[in-house]
């Protein structure tokens, strides 16, 4: 008989944020980054509800701004 596999529930907000809920009830907010190379990168933005979705959106915007400024400095 196969073992039961615990699944993670994932919810998307449509702007690049994911809320993942683990079987033990813990929740984490992630930002998805898909630059031109189409490689999926994820950044943890914190534990929900300690980090609100509004704060997570601000953090995501800041990380995108930092990413773009680094690309300009390197000359790519």
C-alpha atoms as a PDB file:
ATOM      1  CA  UNK A   1       0.000   0.000   0.000  1.00  0.00           C
ATOM      2  CA  UNK A   2       1.480   3.433  -0.924  1.00  0.00           C
ATOM      3  CA  UNK A   3       2.366   5.907   1.796  1.00  0.00           C
ATOM      4  CA  UNK A   4       0.303   9.047   2.178  1.00  0.00           C
ATOM      5  CA  UNK A   5       2.057  12.150   0.949  1.00  0.00           C
ATOM      6  CA  UNK A   6       1.397  15.442   2.710  1.00  0.00           C
ATOM      7  CA  UNK A   7       0.511  18.101   0.170  1.00  0.00           C
ATOM      8  CA  UNK A   8       1.210  21.811   0.367  1.00  0.00           C
ATOM      9  CA  UNK A   9      -1.679  24.122  -0.539  1.00  0.00           C
ATOM     10  CA  UNK A  10      -0.520  27.020  -2.705  1.00  0.00           C
ATOM     11  CA  UNK A  11      -2.501  30.170  -3.426  1.00  0.00           C
ATOM     12  CA  UNK A  12      -1.483  32.835  -5.962  1.00  0.00           C
ATOM     13  CA  UNK A  13      -2.515  36.494  -5.934  1.00  0.00           C
ATOM     14  CA  UNK A  14      -1.846  37.103  -9.632  1.00  0.00           C
ATOM     15  CA  UNK A  15       1.007  39.568  -9.032  1.00  0.00           C
ATOM     16  CA  UNK A  16       3.794  37.110  -8.333  1.00  0.00           C
ATOM     17  CA  UNK A  17       3.059  36.281  -4.702  1.00  0.00           C
ATOM     18  CA  UNK A  18       2.439  32.793  -3.362  1.00  0.00           C
ATOM     19  CA  UNK A  19       0.978  31.808  -0.023  1.00  0.00           C
ATOM     20  CA  UNK A  20       1.941  28.258   0.877  1.00  0.00           C
ATOM     21  CA  UNK A  21       0.203  26.356   3.644  1.00  0.00           C
ATOM     22  CA  UNK A  22       1.941  23.253   4.964  1.00  0.00           C
ATOM     23  CA  UNK A  23       0.036  20.290   6.452  1.00  0.00           C
ATOM     24  CA  UNK A  24       0.979  21.394   9.988  1.00  0.00           C
ATOM     25  CA  UNK A  25      -0.801  24.718   9.353  1.00  0.00           C
ATOM     26  CA  UNK A  26       2.282  26.907   9.013  1.00  0.00           C
ATOM     27  CA  UNK A  27       2.036  29.548   6.295  1.00  0.00           C
ATOM     28  CA  UNK A  28       4.782  31.295   4.335  1.00  0.00           C
ATOM     29  CA  UNK A  29       4.610  34.067   1.738  1.00  0.00           C
ATOM     30  CA  UNK A  30       6.953  33.852  -1.251  1.00  0.00           C
ATOM     31  CA  UNK A  31       7.722  36.147  -4.164  1.00  0.00           C
ATOM     32  CA  UNK A  32       8.229  34.597  -7.560  1.00  0.00           C
ATOM     33  CA  UNK A  33      10.812  36.082  -9.892  1.00  0.00           C
ATOM     34  CA  UNK A  34      10.986  35.021 -13.512  1.00  0.00           C
ATOM     35  CA  UNK A  35      13.594  37.163 -15.245  1.00  0.00           C
ATOM     36  CA  UNK A  36      14.242  37.023 -18.968  1.00  0.00           C
ATOM     37  CA  UNK A  37      15.976  33.657 -18.638  1.00  0.00           C
ATOM     38  CA  UNK A  38      12.638  32.161 -17.543  1.00  0.00           C
ATOM     39  CA  UNK A  39      14.259  30.581 -14.490  1.00  0.00           C
ATOM     40  CA  UNK A  40      11.880  30.483 -11.560  1.00  0.00           C
ATOM     41  CA  UNK A  41      13.414  31.970  -8.419  1.00  0.00           C
ATOM     42  CA  UNK A  42      11.614  32.209  -5.103  1.00  0.00           C
ATOM     43  CA  UNK A  43      12.303  34.549  -2.216  1.00  0.00           C
ATOM     44  CA  UNK A  44      10.788  34.043   1.216  1.00  0.00           C
ATOM     45  CA  UNK A  45       9.104  37.215   2.414  1.00  0.00           C
ATOM     46  CA  UNK A  46       8.078  35.977   5.835  1.00  0.00           C
ATOM     47  CA  UNK A  47       5.518  34.037   7.788  1.00  0.00           C
ATOM     48  CA  UNK A  48       1.874  34.919   7.298  1.00  0.00           C
ATOM     49  CA  UNK A  49       0.139  36.648   9.158  1.00  0.00           C
ATOM     50  CA  UNK A  50       3.250  38.194  10.807  1.00  0.00           C
ATOM     51  CA  UNK A  51       3.941  39.671   7.371  1.00  0.00           C
ATOM     52  CA  UNK A  52       0.718  40.992   5.849  1.00  0.00           C
ATOM     53  CA  UNK A  53       0.022  40.614   2.155  1.00  0.00           C
ATOM     54  CA  UNK A  54       0.437  44.394   1.751  1.00  0.00           C
ATOM     55  CA  UNK A  55       3.897  44.192   3.372  1.00  0.00           C
ATOM     56  CA  UNK A  56       4.767  41.204   1.195  1.00  0.00           C
ATOM     57  CA  UNK A  57       3.816  43.175  -1.926  1.00  0.00           C
ATOM     58  CA  UNK A  58       6.051  46.068  -0.776  1.00  0.00           C
ATOM     59  CA  UNK A  59       8.948  43.687  -0.103  1.00  0.00           C
ATOM     60  CA  UNK A  60       8.467  42.113  -3.523  1.00  0.00           C
ATOM     61  CA  UNK A  61       8.508  45.535  -5.222  1.00  0.00           C
ATOM     62  CA  UNK A  62      11.689  46.469  -3.317  1.00  0.00           C
ATOM     63  CA  UNK A  63      13.417  43.237  -4.314  1.00  0.00           C
ATOM     64  CA  UNK A  64      12.519  43.775  -7.980  1.00  0.00           C
ATOM     65  CA  UNK A  65      13.896  47.327  -7.811  1.00  0.00           C
ATOM     66  CA  UNK A  66      17.143  46.061  -6.226  1.00  0.00           C
ATOM     67  CA  UNK A  67      17.418  43.299  -8.842  1.00  0.00           C
ATOM     68  CA  UNK A  68      16.993  45.746 -11.712  1.00  0.00           C
ATOM     69  CA  UNK A  69      19.483  48.231 -10.237  1.00  0.00           C
ATOM     70  CA  UNK A  70      22.082  45.463  -9.852  1.00  0.00           C
ATOM     71  CA  UNK A  71      21.649  44.526 -13.491  1.00  0.00           C
ATOM     72  CA  UNK A  72      22.234  48.152 -14.539  1.00  0.00           C
ATOM     73  CA  UNK A  73      25.381  48.460 -12.362  1.00  0.00           C
ATOM     74  CA  UNK A  74      26.863  45.286 -13.844  1.00  0.00           C
ATOM     75  CA  UNK A  75      26.041  46.519 -17.331  1.00  0.00           C
ATOM     76  CA  UNK A  76      23.727  43.746 -18.454  1.00  0.00           C
END
